């Protein structure tokens, strides 16, 4: 059964490579920036 899993994994890798070769790499969405709240205390100089 483990051999079948290895073969299926290799087939997935090969098909992914063929798809990337034909259509280009899968586009990754840009990560959205997450605003971080910062307490802005007045400076005492």
Protein backbone atom coordinates (compact mmCIF):
# COMPACT_ATOMS: atom_id res chain seq x y z
CA UNK A 1 0.00 0.00 0.00
CA UNK A 2 2.89 2.32 0.74
CA UNK A 3 4.24 1.79 -2.78
CA UNK A 4 0.91 2.93 -4.23
CA UNK A 5 1.06 6.09 -2.11
CA UNK A 6 4.60 6.82 -3.34
CA UNK A 7 3.55 6.32 -6.96
CA UNK A 8 0.52 8.60 -6.54
CA UNK A 9 2.69 11.28 -4.93
CA UNK A 10 5.15 11.14 -7.85
CA UNK A 11 2.28 11.38 -10.34
CA UNK A 12 0.98 14.47 -8.53
CA UNK A 13 4.43 16.08 -8.70
CA UNK A 14 4.82 15.31 -12.41
CA UNK A 15 1.37 16.58 -13.32
CA UNK A 16 2.03 19.77 -11.35
CA UNK A 17 5.29 20.28 -13.27
CA UNK A 18 3.54 19.70 -16.61
CA UNK A 19 0.75 22.15 -15.71
CA UNK A 20 3.32 24.76 -14.65
CA UNK A 21 5.25 24.26 -17.88
CA UNK A 22 2.12 24.70 -19.99
CA UNK A 23 0.30 27.46 -18.14
CA UNK A 24 3.00 29.07 -16.00
CA UNK A 25 3.42 28.81 -12.24
CA UNK A 26 0.38 29.06 -10.01
CA UNK A 27 -0.05 32.67 -9.02
CA UNK A 28 0.30 33.40 -5.34
CA UNK A 29 -1.97 36.10 -3.94
CA UNK A 30 -0.17 38.99 -2.30
CA UNK A 31 -0.23 38.89 1.45
CA UNK A 32 -2.37 41.62 2.96
CA UNK A 33 -0.69 43.89 5.46
CA UNK A 34 -2.23 43.72 8.90
CA UNK A 35 -2.36 47.04 10.76
CA UNK A 36 -0.83 46.84 14.21
CA UNK A 37 -2.26 49.25 16.78
CA UNK A 38 0.40 51.31 18.52
CA UNK A 39 -0.16 53.50 21.56
CA UNK A 40 1.32 56.88 20.74
CA UNK A 41 2.14 58.61 24.02
CA UNK A 42 3.13 62.29 23.90
CA UNK A 43 6.84 62.75 24.45
CA UNK A 44 7.97 64.73 27.49
CA UNK A 45 11.14 66.54 26.49
